[in-house]
PDB file of N, CA and C in Angstrom:
ATOM      1  N   MET A   1       0.846  -1.174   0.000  1.00  0.00           N
ATOM      2  CA  MET A   1       0.000   0.000   0.000  1.00  0.00           C
ATOM      3  C   MET A   1       0.895   1.241   0.000  1.00  0.00           C
ATOM      4  N   THR A   2       0.588   2.208  -0.871  1.00  0.00           N
ATOM      5  CA  THR A   2       1.364   3.432  -0.916  1.00  0.00           C
ATOM      6  C   THR A   2       0.736   4.480  -0.010  1.00  0.00           C
ATOM      7  N   GLN A   3       1.589   5.339   0.538  1.00  0.00           N
ATOM      8  CA  GLN A   3       1.112   6.386   1.423  1.00  0.00           C
ATOM      9  C   GLN A   3       0.525   7.519   0.581  1.00  0.00           C
ATOM     10  N   GLU A   4      -0.677   7.987   0.941  1.00  0.00           N
ATOM     11  CA  GLU A   4      -1.322   9.078   0.221  1.00  0.00           C
ATOM     12  C   GLU A   4      -0.686  10.405   0.632  1.00  0.00           C
ATOM     13  N   LEU A   5      -0.324  11.209  -0.368  1.00  0.00           N
ATOM     14  CA  LEU A   5       0.282  12.505  -0.118  1.00  0.00           C
ATOM     15  C   LEU A   5      -0.790  13.547   0.164  1.00  0.00           C
ATOM     16  N   PRO A   6      -0.498  14.538   1.034  1.00  0.00           N
ATOM     17  CA  PRO A   6      -1.482  15.596   1.269  1.00  0.00           C
ATOM     18  C   PRO A   6      -1.714  16.385  -0.020  1.00  0.00           C
ATOM     19  N   LYS A   7      -2.930  16.900  -0.210  1.00  0.00           N
ATOM     20  CA  LYS A   7      -3.272  17.646  -1.426  1.00  0.00           C
ATOM     21  C   LYS A   7      -2.648  19.033  -1.446  1.00  0.00           C
ATOM     22  N   PHE A   8      -2.319  19.604  -0.284  1.00  0.00           N
ATOM     23  CA  PHE A   8      -1.716  20.929  -0.237  1.00  0.00           C
ATOM     24  C   PHE A   8      -0.895  21.048   1.033  1.00  0.00           C
ATOM     25  N   THR A   9       0.353  21.425   0.887  1.00  0.00           N
ATOM     26  CA  THR A   9       1.236  21.684   2.018  1.00  0.00           C
ATOM     27  C   THR A   9       1.688  23.128   1.897  1.00  0.00           C
ATOM     28  N   ARG A  10       1.414  23.938   2.895  1.00  0.00           N
ATOM     29  CA  ARG A  10       1.744  25.360   2.826  1.00  0.00           C
ATOM     30  C   ARG A  10       3.235  25.574   3.084  1.00  0.00           C
ATOM     31  N   ILE A  11       3.956  25.964   2.028  1.00  0.00           N
ATOM     32  CA  ILE A  11       5.365  26.336   2.138  1.00  0.00           C
ATOM     33  C   ILE A  11       5.506  27.683   1.456  1.00  0.00           C
ATOM     34  N   ASN A  12       5.860  28.705   2.214  1.00  0.00           N
ATOM     35  CA  ASN A  12       6.051  30.039   1.665  1.00  0.00           C
ATOM     36  C   ASN A  12       7.479  30.449   1.981  1.00  0.00           C
ATOM     37  N   GLU A  13       8.344  30.298   0.988  1.00  0.00           N
ATOM     38  CA  GLU A  13       9.750  30.617   1.193  1.00  0.00           C
ATOM     39  C   GLU A  13      10.282  31.389  -0.001  1.00  0.00           C
ATOM     40  N   SER A  14      11.319  32.182   0.232  1.00  0.00           N
ATOM     41  CA  SER A  14      11.949  32.886  -0.878  1.00  0.00           C
ATOM     42  C   SER A  14      12.892  31.912  -1.592  1.00  0.00           C
ATOM     43  N   PHE A  15      13.230  32.226  -2.842  1.00  0.00           N
ATOM     44  CA  PHE A  15      14.122  31.374  -3.618  1.00  0.00           C
ATOM     45  C   PHE A  15      14.701  32.175  -4.766  1.00  0.00           C
ATOM     46  N   ASP A  16      15.731  31.632  -5.391  1.00  0.00           N
ATOM     47  CA  ASP A  16      16.314  32.237  -6.582  1.00  0.00           C
ATOM     48  C   ASP A  16      15.751  31.526  -7.801  1.00  0.00           C
ATOM     49  N   CYS A  17      15.234  32.308  -8.756  1.00  0.00           N
ATOM     50  CA  CYS A  17      14.651  31.737  -9.966  1.00  0.00           C
ATOM     51  C   CYS A  17      15.736  31.038 -10.779  1.00  0.00           C
ATOM     52  N   GLN A  18      15.485  29.792 -11.152  1.00  0.00           N
ATOM     53  CA  GLN A  18      16.452  29.013 -11.928  1.00  0.00           C
ATOM     54  C   GLN A  18      16.441  29.398 -13.408  1.00  0.00           C
ATOM     55  N   ASN A  19      15.463  30.216 -13.832  1.00  0.00           N
ATOM     56  CA  ASN A  19      15.404  30.664 -15.215  1.00  0.00           C
ATOM     57  C   ASN A  19      16.073  32.035 -15.398  1.00  0.00           C
ATOM     58  N   CYS A  20      15.656  33.034 -14.609  1.00  0.00           N
ATOM     59  CA  CYS A  20      16.180  34.394 -14.812  1.00  0.00           C
ATOM     60  C   CYS A  20      17.141  34.855 -13.730  1.00  0.00           C
ATOM     61  N   GLY A  21      17.273  34.105 -12.626  1.00  0.00           N
ATOM     62  CA  GLY A  21      18.221  34.437 -11.573  1.00  0.00           C
ATOM     63  C   GLY A  21      17.713  35.419 -10.531  1.00  0.00           C
ATOM     64  N   ARG A  22      16.517  35.906 -10.666  1.00  0.00           N
ATOM     65  CA  ARG A  22      15.954  36.873  -9.731  1.00  0.00           C
ATOM     66  C   ARG A  22      15.730  36.235  -8.357  1.00  0.00           C
ATOM     67  N   THR A  23      16.011  36.979  -7.282  1.00  0.00           N
ATOM     68  CA  THR A  23      15.658  36.522  -5.944  1.00  0.00           C
ATOM     69  C   THR A  23      14.189  36.826  -5.732  1.00  0.00           C
ATOM     70  N   VAL A  24      13.422  35.790  -5.443  1.00  0.00           N
ATOM     71  CA  VAL A  24      11.966  35.893  -5.333  1.00  0.00           C
ATOM     72  C   VAL A  24      11.582  35.938  -3.854  1.00  0.00           C
ATOM     73  N   PRO A  25      10.841  36.991  -3.437  1.00  0.00           N
ATOM     74  CA  PRO A  25      10.459  37.105  -2.029  1.00  0.00           C
ATOM     75  C   PRO A  25       9.267  36.210  -1.677  1.00  0.00           C
ATOM     76  N   LEU A  26       8.982  36.132  -0.384  1.00  0.00           N
ATOM     77  CA  LEU A  26       7.789  35.431   0.095  1.00  0.00           C
ATOM     78  C   LEU A  26       6.545  36.064  -0.514  1.00  0.00           C
ATOM     79  N   ALA A  27       5.488  35.303  -0.613  1.00  0.00           N
ATOM     80  CA  ALA A  27       4.198  35.846  -1.034  1.00  0.00           C
ATOM     81  C   ALA A  27       3.479  36.403   0.188  1.00  0.00           C
ATOM     82  N   GLU A  28       2.576  37.344  -0.041  1.00  0.00           N
ATOM     83  CA  GLU A  28       1.859  37.973   1.060  1.00  0.00           C
ATOM     84  C   GLU A  28       0.791  37.066   1.657  1.00  0.00           C
ATOM     85  N   THR A  29      -0.062  36.479   0.830  1.00  0.00           N
ATOM     86  CA  THR A  29      -1.227  35.780   1.359  1.00  0.00           C
ATOM     87  C   THR A  29      -1.290  34.295   1.023  1.00  0.00           C
ATOM     88  N   THR A  30      -0.403  33.813   0.204  1.00  0.00           N
ATOM     89  CA  THR A  30      -0.438  32.405  -0.193  1.00  0.00           C
ATOM     90  C   THR A  30       1.002  31.915  -0.310  1.00  0.00           C
ATOM     91  N   CYS A  31       1.206  30.808  -0.955  1.00  0.00           N
ATOM     92  CA  CYS A  31       2.548  30.277  -1.167  1.00  0.00           C
ATOM     93  C   CYS A  31       3.001  30.638  -2.577  1.00  0.00           C
ATOM     94  N   ARG A  32       4.213  31.148  -2.703  1.00  0.00           N
ATOM     95  CA  ARG A  32       4.736  31.479  -4.024  1.00  0.00           C
ATOM     96  C   ARG A  32       5.463  30.260  -4.568  1.00  0.00           C
ATOM     97  N   ASP A  33       5.125  29.869  -5.804  1.00  0.00           N
ATOM     98  CA  ASP A  33       5.725  28.690  -6.411  1.00  0.00           C
ATOM     99  C   ASP A  33       6.323  28.971  -7.782  1.00  0.00           C
ATOM    100  N   HIS A  34       6.437  30.253  -8.124  1.00  0.00           N
ATOM    101  CA  HIS A  34       7.004  30.624  -9.417  1.00  0.00           C
ATOM    102  C   HIS A  34       7.581  32.034  -9.331  1.00  0.00           C
ATOM    103  N   CYS A  35       8.400  32.384 -10.297  1.00  0.00           N
ATOM    104  CA  CYS A  35       9.021  33.702 -10.350  1.00  0.00           C
ATOM    105  C   CYS A  35       7.990  34.731 -10.815  1.00  0.00           C
ATOM    106  N   PRO A  36       7.830  35.846 -10.104  1.00  0.00           N
ATOM    107  CA  PRO A  36       6.859  36.854 -10.502  1.00  0.00           C
ATOM    108  C   PRO A  36       7.303  37.674 -11.718  1.00  0.00           C
ATOM    109  N   VAL A  37       8.570  37.586 -12.086  1.00  0.00           N
ATOM    110  CA  VAL A  37       9.090  38.356 -13.214  1.00  0.00           C
ATOM    111  C   VAL A  37       8.960  37.581 -14.527  1.00  0.00           C
ATOM    112  N   CYS A  38       9.487  36.346 -14.573  1.00  0.00           N
ATOM    113  CA  CYS A  38       9.451  35.551 -15.810  1.00  0.00           C
ATOM    114  C   CYS A  38       8.382  34.458 -15.782  1.00  0.00           C
ATOM    115  N   LEU A  39       7.787  34.209 -14.611  1.00  0.00           N
ATOM    116  CA  LEU A  39       6.713  33.238 -14.375  1.00  0.00           C
ATOM    117  C   LEU A  39       7.160  31.774 -14.421  1.00  0.00           C
ATOM    118  N   TRP A  40       8.447  31.487 -14.581  1.00  0.00           N
ATOM    119  CA  TRP A  40       8.920  30.096 -14.595  1.00  0.00           C
ATOM    120  C   TRP A  40       8.875  29.517 -13.191  1.00  0.00           C
ATOM    121  N   SER A  41       8.837  28.183 -13.119  1.00  0.00           N
ATOM    122  CA  SER A  41       8.773  27.477 -11.851  1.00  0.00           C
ATOM    123  C   SER A  41       9.668  26.236 -11.935  1.00  0.00           C
ATOM    124  N   LEU A  42       9.706  25.458 -10.859  1.00  0.00           N
ATOM    125  CA  LEU A  42      10.456  24.205 -10.835  1.00  0.00           C
ATOM    126  C   LEU A  42       9.507  23.043 -10.567  1.00  0.00           C
ATOM    127  N   HIS A  43       9.765  21.920 -11.201  1.00  0.00           N
ATOM    128  CA  HIS A  43       8.963  20.717 -10.996  1.00  0.00           C
ATOM    129  C   HIS A  43       9.497  19.980  -9.769  1.00  0.00           C
ATOM    130  N   VAL A  44       9.070  20.431  -8.590  1.00  0.00           N
ATOM    131  CA  VAL A  44       9.508  19.823  -7.329  1.00  0.00           C
ATOM    132  C   VAL A  44       8.358  19.200  -6.546  1.00  0.00           C
ATOM    133  N   ASP A  45       7.117  19.474  -6.955  1.00  0.00           N
ATOM    134  CA  ASP A  45       5.948  18.985  -6.220  1.00  0.00           C
ATOM    135  C   ASP A  45       5.104  18.027  -7.062  1.00  0.00           C
ATOM    136  N   ILE A  46       4.501  17.056  -6.384  1.00  0.00           N
ATOM    137  CA  ILE A  46       3.438  16.257  -6.988  1.00  0.00           C
ATOM    138  C   ILE A  46       2.124  16.970  -6.679  1.00  0.00           C
ATOM    139  N   ASN A  47       1.869  17.198  -5.385  1.00  0.00           N
ATOM    140  CA  ASN A  47       0.779  18.059  -4.939  1.00  0.00           C
ATOM    141  C   ASN A  47       1.418  19.337  -4.394  1.00  0.00           C
ATOM    142  N   PRO A  48       0.741  20.483  -4.465  1.00  0.00           N
ATOM    143  CA  PRO A  48       1.358  21.752  -4.072  1.00  0.00           C
ATOM    144  C   PRO A  48       2.050  21.703  -2.710  1.00  0.00           C
ATOM    145  N   GLY A  49       3.340  22.026  -2.716  1.00  0.00           N
ATOM    146  CA  GLY A  49       4.114  22.135  -1.487  1.00  0.00           C
ATOM    147  C   GLY A  49       4.667  20.844  -0.921  1.00  0.00           C
ATOM    148  N   ASP A  50       4.410  19.693  -1.526  1.00  0.00           N
ATOM    149  CA  ASP A  50       4.860  18.439  -0.911  1.00  0.00           C
ATOM    150  C   ASP A  50       6.327  18.103  -1.181  1.00  0.00           C
ATOM    151  N   ARG A  51       6.944  18.730  -2.158  1.00  0.00           N
ATOM    152  CA  ARG A  51       8.357  18.517  -2.535  1.00  0.00           C
ATOM    153  C   ARG A  51       8.652  17.035  -2.797  1.00  0.00           C
ATOM    154  N   ALA A  52       7.645  16.330  -3.345  1.00  0.00           N
ATOM    155  CA  ALA A  52       7.758  14.889  -3.556  1.00  0.00           C
ATOM    156  C   ALA A  52       8.130  14.488  -4.984  1.00  0.00           C
ATOM    157  N   ALA A  53       8.240  15.442  -5.898  1.00  0.00           N
ATOM    158  CA  ALA A  53       8.605  15.102  -7.281  1.00  0.00           C
ATOM    159  C   ALA A  53      10.122  14.949  -7.386  1.00  0.00           C
ATOM    160  N   ASP A  54      10.557  13.911  -8.044  1.00  0.00           N
ATOM    161  CA  ASP A  54      11.987  13.666  -8.222  1.00  0.00           C
ATOM    162  C   ASP A  54      12.554  14.376  -9.451  1.00  0.00           C
ATOM    163  N   CYS A  55      11.714  14.946 -10.286  1.00  0.00           N
ATOM    164  CA  CYS A  55      12.124  15.505 -11.570  1.00  0.00           C
ATOM    165  C   CYS A  55      13.092  16.683 -11.431  1.00  0.00           C
ATOM    166  N   GLY A  56      12.657  17.771 -10.826  1.00  0.00           N
ATOM    167  CA  GLY A  56      13.492  18.954 -10.660  1.00  0.00           C
ATOM    168  C   GLY A  56      13.670  19.792 -11.918  1.00  0.00           C
ATOM    169  N   GLY A  57      12.937  19.467 -12.994  1.00  0.00           N
ATOM    170  CA  GLY A  57      13.056  20.215 -14.244  1.00  0.00           C
ATOM    171  C   GLY A  57      12.409  21.586 -14.162  1.00  0.00           C
ATOM    172  N   LEU A  58      12.769  22.449 -15.112  1.00  0.00           N
ATOM    173  CA  LEU A  58      12.152  23.770 -15.189  1.00  0.00           C
ATOM    174  C   LEU A  58      10.750  23.652 -15.768  1.00  0.00           C
ATOM    175  N   LEU A  59       9.795  24.344 -15.143  1.00  0.00           N
ATOM    176  CA  LEU A  59       8.428  24.406 -15.638  1.00  0.00           C
ATOM    177  C   LEU A  59       8.279  25.676 -16.468  1.00  0.00           C
ATOM    178  N   ARG A  60       8.116  25.490 -17.781  1.00  0.00           N
ATOM    179  CA  ARG A  60       7.966  26.613 -18.705  1.00  0.00           C
ATOM    180  C   ARG A  60       6.506  27.068 -18.724  1.00  0.00           C
ATOM    181  N   PRO A  61       6.251  28.379 -18.535  1.00  0.00           N
ATOM    182  CA  PRO A  61       4.884  28.869 -18.682  1.00  0.00           C
ATOM    183  C   PRO A  61       4.510  28.842 -20.162  1.00  0.00           C
ATOM    184  N   ILE A  62       3.388  28.188 -20.491  1.00  0.00           N
ATOM    185  CA  ILE A  62       3.027  28.027 -21.905  1.00  0.00           C
ATOM    186  C   ILE A  62       1.738  28.742 -22.286  1.00  0.00           C
ATOM    187  N   SER A  63       0.855  29.006 -21.308  1.00  0.00           N
ATOM    188  CA  SER A  63      -0.394  29.704 -21.586  1.00  0.00           C
ATOM    189  C   SER A  63      -1.049  30.067 -20.258  1.00  0.00           C
ATOM    190  N   TYR A  64      -2.227  30.648 -20.343  1.00  0.00           N
ATOM    191  CA  TYR A  64      -2.968  30.984 -19.134  1.00  0.00           C
ATOM    192  C   TYR A  64      -4.463  30.863 -19.397  1.00  0.00           C
ATOM    193  N   SER A  65      -5.222  30.807 -18.309  1.00  0.00           N
ATOM    194  CA  SER A  65      -6.673  30.743 -18.402  1.00  0.00           C
ATOM    195  C   SER A  65      -7.262  31.426 -17.177  1.00  0.00           C
ATOM    196  N   ALA A  66      -8.567  31.645 -17.217  1.00  0.00           N
ATOM    197  CA  ALA A  66      -9.277  32.251 -16.088  1.00  0.00           C
ATOM    198  C   ALA A  66     -10.028  31.172 -15.317  1.00  0.00           C
ATOM    199  N   ASN A  67      -9.970  31.263 -13.993  1.00  0.00           N
ATOM    200  CA  ASN A  67     -10.700  30.360 -13.107  1.00  0.00           C
ATOM    201  C   ASN A  67     -11.636  31.229 -12.269  1.00  0.00           C
ATOM    202  N   LYS A  68     -12.908  30.886 -12.208  1.00  0.00           N
ATOM    203  CA  LYS A  68     -13.898  31.713 -11.501  1.00  0.00           C
ATOM    204  C   LYS A  68     -13.552  31.936 -10.029  1.00  0.00           C
ATOM    205  N   LYS A  69     -12.967  30.948  -9.387  1.00  0.00           N
ATOM    206  CA  LYS A  69     -12.650  31.053  -7.960  1.00  0.00           C
ATOM    207  C   LYS A  69     -11.227  31.538  -7.689  1.00  0.00           C
ATOM    208  N   LYS A  70     -10.271  31.139  -8.518  1.00  0.00           N
ATOM    209  CA  LYS A  70      -8.862  31.426  -8.245  1.00  0.00           C
ATOM    210  C   LYS A  70      -8.276  32.572  -9.059  1.00  0.00           C
ATOM    211  N   GLY A  71      -8.973  33.044 -10.059  1.00  0.00           N
ATOM    212  CA  GLY A  71      -8.439  34.112 -10.913  1.00  0.00           C
ATOM    213  C   GLY A  71      -7.619  33.525 -12.058  1.00  0.00           C
ATOM    214  N   TRP A  72      -6.599  34.242 -12.487  1.00  0.00           N
ATOM    215  CA  TRP A  72      -5.755  33.780 -13.594  1.00  0.00           C
ATOM    216  C   TRP A  72      -4.917  32.583 -13.163  1.00  0.00           C
ATOM    217  N   MET A  73      -4.835  31.594 -14.052  1.00  0.00           N
ATOM    218  CA  MET A  73      -4.030  30.402 -13.812  1.00  0.00           C
ATOM    219  C   MET A  73      -2.967  30.298 -14.907  1.00  0.00           C
ATOM    220  N   ILE A  74      -1.725  30.049 -14.503  1.00  0.00           N
ATOM    221  CA  ILE A  74      -0.627  29.882 -15.442  1.00  0.00           C
ATOM    222  C   ILE A  74      -0.511  28.388 -15.754  1.00  0.00           C
ATOM    223  N   HIS A  75      -0.443  28.050 -17.031  1.00  0.00           N
ATOM    224  CA  HIS A  75      -0.281  26.659 -17.462  1.00  0.00           C
ATOM    225  C   HIS A  75       1.197  26.414 -17.754  1.00  0.00           C
ATOM    226  N   TYR A  76       1.722  25.308 -17.221  1.00  0.00           N
ATOM    227  CA  TYR A  76       3.143  24.970 -17.338  1.00  0.00           C
ATOM    228  C   TYR A  76       3.346  23.627 -18.005  1.00  0.00           C
ATOM    229  N   ARG A  77       4.487  23.488 -18.636  1.00  0.00           N
ATOM    230  CA  ARG A  77       4.942  22.189 -19.137  1.00  0.00           C
ATOM    231  C   ARG A  77       6.400  22.026 -18.695  1.00  0.00           C
ATOM    232  N   CYS A  78       6.702  20.880 -18.077  1.00  0.00           N
ATOM    233  CA  CYS A  78       8.062  20.610 -17.607  1.00  0.00           C
ATOM    234  C   CYS A  78       8.980  20.364 -18.799  1.00  0.00           C
ATOM    235  N   GLU A  79      10.117  21.061 -18.807  1.00  0.00           N
ATOM    236  CA  GLU A  79      11.104  20.931 -19.872  1.00  0.00           C
ATOM    237  C   GLU A  79      11.801  19.569 -19.842  1.00  0.00           C
ATOM    238  N   LYS A  80      11.791  18.914 -18.686  1.00  0.00           N
ATOM    239  CA  LYS A  80      12.503  17.645 -18.526  1.00  0.00           C
ATOM    240  C   LYS A  80      11.614  16.423 -18.780  1.00  0.00           C
ATOM    241  N   CYS A  81      10.421  16.403 -18.180  1.00  0.00           N
ATOM    242  CA  CYS A  81       9.585  15.196 -18.265  1.00  0.00           C
ATOM    243  C   CYS A  81       8.262  15.394 -19.006  1.00  0.00           C
ATOM    244  N   GLY A  82       7.910  16.640 -19.327  1.00  0.00           N
ATOM    245  CA  GLY A  82       6.682  16.898 -20.069  1.00  0.00           C
ATOM    246  C   GLY A  82       5.415  17.022 -19.237  1.00  0.00           C
ATOM    247  N   THR A  83       5.495  16.849 -17.921  1.00  0.00           N
ATOM    248  CA  THR A  83       4.325  16.990 -17.058  1.00  0.00           C
ATOM    249  C   THR A  83       3.743  18.384 -17.204  1.00  0.00           C
ATOM    250  N   GLU A  84       2.413  18.473 -17.196  1.00  0.00           N
ATOM    251  CA  GLU A  84       1.751  19.768 -17.259  1.00  0.00           C
ATOM    252  C   GLU A  84       1.093  20.071 -15.924  1.00  0.00           C
ATOM    253  N   LYS A  85       1.207  21.323 -15.483  1.00  0.00           N
ATOM    254  CA  LYS A  85       0.696  21.765 -14.183  1.00  0.00           C
ATOM    255  C   LYS A  85       0.057  23.131 -14.313  1.00  0.00           C
ATOM    256  N   LEU A  86      -0.693  23.531 -13.289  1.00  0.00           N
ATOM    257  CA  LEU A  86      -1.284  24.862 -13.189  1.00  0.00           C
ATOM    258  C   LEU A  86      -0.809  25.520 -11.905  1.00  0.00           C
ATOM    259  N   ASN A  87      -0.562  26.827 -11.965  1.00  0.00           N
ATOM    260  CA  ASN A  87      -0.250  27.617 -10.778  1.00  0.00           C
ATOM    261  C   ASN A  87      -1.066  28.898 -10.836  1.00  0.00           C
ATOM    262  N   ARG A  88      -1.437  29.372  -9.682  1.00  0.00           N
ATOM    263  CA  ARG A  88      -2.223  30.603  -9.585  1.00  0.00           C
ATOM    264  C   ARG A  88      -1.342  31.825  -9.829  1.00  0.00           C
ATOM    265  N   PHE A  89      -1.804  32.752 -10.654  1.00  0.00           N
ATOM    266  CA  PHE A  89      -1.139  34.021 -10.930  1.00  0.00           C
ATOM    267  C   PHE A  89      -1.397  34.959  -9.752  1.00  0.00           C
ATOM    268  N   LEU A  90      -0.334  35.548  -9.191  1.00  0.00           N
ATOM    269  CA  LEU A  90      -0.462  36.412  -8.006  1.00  0.00           C
ATOM    270  C   LEU A  90      -0.407  37.877  -8.430  1.00  0.00           C
ATOM    271  N   GLU A  91      -1.545  38.404  -8.855  1.00  0.00           N
ATOM    272  CA  GLU A  91      -1.552  39.760  -9.394  1.00  0.00           C
ATOM    273  C   GLU A  91      -1.601  40.855  -8.336  1.00  0.00           C
ATOM    274  N   HIS A  92      -1.968  40.536  -7.097  1.00  0.00           N
ATOM    275  CA  HIS A  92      -2.126  41.568  -6.071  1.00  0.00           C
ATOM    276  C   HIS A  92      -1.170  41.413  -4.898  1.00  0.00           C
ATOM    277  N   ASP A  93      -0.106  40.664  -5.041  1.00  0.00           N
ATOM    278  CA  ASP A  93       0.833  40.473  -3.937  1.00  0.00           C
ATOM    279  C   ASP A  93       1.592  41.776  -3.680  1.00  0.00           C
ATOM    280  N   VAL A  94       1.597  42.260  -2.430  1.00  0.00           N
ATOM    281  CA  VAL A  94       2.238  43.543  -2.118  1.00  0.00           C
ATOM    282  C   VAL A  94       3.761  43.456  -2.111  1.00  0.00           C
ATOM    283  N   HIS A  95       4.325  42.277  -1.889  1.00  0.00           N
ATOM    284  CA  HIS A  95       5.787  42.142  -1.881  1.00  0.00           C
ATOM    285  C   HIS A  95       6.348  42.226  -3.299  1.00  0.00           C
ATOM    286  N   LEU A  96       5.765  41.491  -4.226  1.00  0.00           N
ATOM    287  CA  LEU A  96       6.149  41.547  -5.638  1.00  0.00           C
ATOM    288  C   LEU A  96       5.063  40.831  -6.437  1.00  0.00           C
ATOM    289  N   ALA A  97       4.177  41.613  -7.041  1.00  0.00           N
ATOM    290  CA  ALA A  97       3.081  41.040  -7.834  1.00  0.00           C
ATOM    291  C   ALA A  97       3.634  40.404  -9.102  1.00  0.00           C
ATOM    292  N   ASP A  98       2.961  39.377  -9.593  1.00  0.00           N
ATOM    293  CA  ASP A  98       3.351  38.747 -10.850  1.00  0.00           C
ATOM    294  C   ASP A  98       3.208  39.740 -12.002  1.00  0.00           C
ATOM    295  N   SER A  99       4.075  39.619 -12.977  1.00  0.00           N
ATOM    296  CA  SER A  99       4.101  40.512 -14.135  1.00  0.00           C
ATOM    297  C   SER A  99       2.947  40.210 -15.088  1.00  0.00           C
ATOM    298  N   ILE A 100       2.036  41.181 -15.219  1.00  0.00           N
ATOM    299  CA  ILE A 100       0.925  41.011 -16.161  1.00  0.00           C
ATOM    300  C   ILE A 100       1.464  40.999 -17.590  1.00  0.00           C
ATOM    301  N   ASP A 101       2.536  41.724 -17.859  1.00  0.00           N
ATOM    302  CA  ASP A 101       3.141  41.715 -19.196  1.00  0.00           C
ATOM    303  C   ASP A 101       3.644  40.322 -19.559  1.00  0.00           C
ATOM    304  N   ALA A 102       4.282  39.652 -18.604  1.00  0.00           N
ATOM    305  CA  ALA A 102       4.768  38.285 -18.858  1.00  0.00           C
ATOM    306  C   ALA A 102       3.593  37.339 -19.102  1.00  0.00           C
ATOM    307  N   LEU A 103       2.502  37.528 -18.355  1.00  0.00           N
ATOM    308  CA  LEU A 103       1.320  36.680 -18.539  1.00  0.00           C
ATOM    309  C   LEU A 103       0.721  36.887 -19.930  1.00  0.00           C
ATOM    310  N   LEU A 104       0.561  38.131 -20.336  1.00  0.00           N
ATOM    311  CA  LEU A 104      -0.048  38.421 -21.632  1.00  0.00           C
ATOM    312  C   LEU A 104       0.805  37.935 -22.793  1.00  0.00           C
ATOM    313  N   LYS A 105       2.112  37.900 -22.619  1.00  0.00           N
ATOM    314  CA  LYS A 105       2.999  37.375 -23.671  1.00  0.00           C
ATOM    315  C   LYS A 105       2.745  35.894 -23.928  1.00  0.00           C
ATOM    316  N   LEU A 106       2.222  35.191 -22.941  1.00  0.00           N
ATOM    317  CA  LEU A 106       1.953  33.764 -23.094  1.00  0.00           C
ATOM    318  C   LEU A 106       0.888  33.488 -24.156  1.00  0.00           C
ATOM    319  N   SER A 107       0.002  34.442 -24.383  1.00  0.00           N
ATOM    320  CA  SER A 107      -1.051  34.232 -25.372  1.00  0.00           C
ATOM    321  C   SER A 107      -0.472  34.148 -26.786  1.00  0.00           C
ATOM    322  N   SER A 108       0.747  34.658 -26.988  1.00  0.00           N
ATOM    323  CA  SER A 108       1.379  34.591 -28.299  1.00  0.00           C
ATOM    324  C   SER A 108       2.405  33.465 -28.398  1.00  0.00           C
ATOM    325  N   VAL A 109       2.645  32.760 -27.286  1.00  0.00           N
ATOM    326  CA  VAL A 109       3.656  31.704 -27.270  1.00  0.00           C
ATOM    327  C   VAL A 109       3.142  30.430 -27.927  1.00  0.00           C
ATOM    328  N   SER A 110       2.108  29.840 -27.353  1.00  0.00           N
ATOM    329  CA  SER A 110       1.555  28.607 -27.914  1.00  0.00           C
ATOM    330  C   SER A 110       0.183  28.345 -27.313  1.00  0.00           C
ATOM    331  N   PRO A 111      -0.709  27.744 -28.047  1.00  0.00           N
ATOM    332  CA  PRO A 111      -2.028  27.398 -27.489  1.00  0.00           C
ATOM    333  C   PRO A 111      -1.925  26.223 -26.540  1.00  0.00           C
ATOM    334  N   LEU A 112      -2.996  26.004 -25.775  1.00  0.00           N
ATOM    335  CA  LEU A 112      -3.049  24.842 -24.866  1.00  0.00           C
ATOM    336  C   LEU A 112      -3.025  23.553 -25.620  1.00  0.00           C
TER     337      LEU A 112
END
């Protein structure tokens, strides 16, 4: 029998973006899991915050969509294993809000 992983583990820590090198601060009201400047992330979780993924590849932002409850969602594809994930866009974070310009550029990158 395999152990079931929690669906969400709250980890809010600063980190250095592996794509653009920017030091990313803590989020104000939630957990930050991507760079607010370039929107890239790392494939380190199976469920949010669990750090259970062995991949470690860069998650490329490929598109975005609107969610009625969560707002804008960034769609990712892992450069290493191809896994696709969603992360919430943090447009109102007082420490460092996500770049709306970077989000809008995704509409010209590739469709879902």
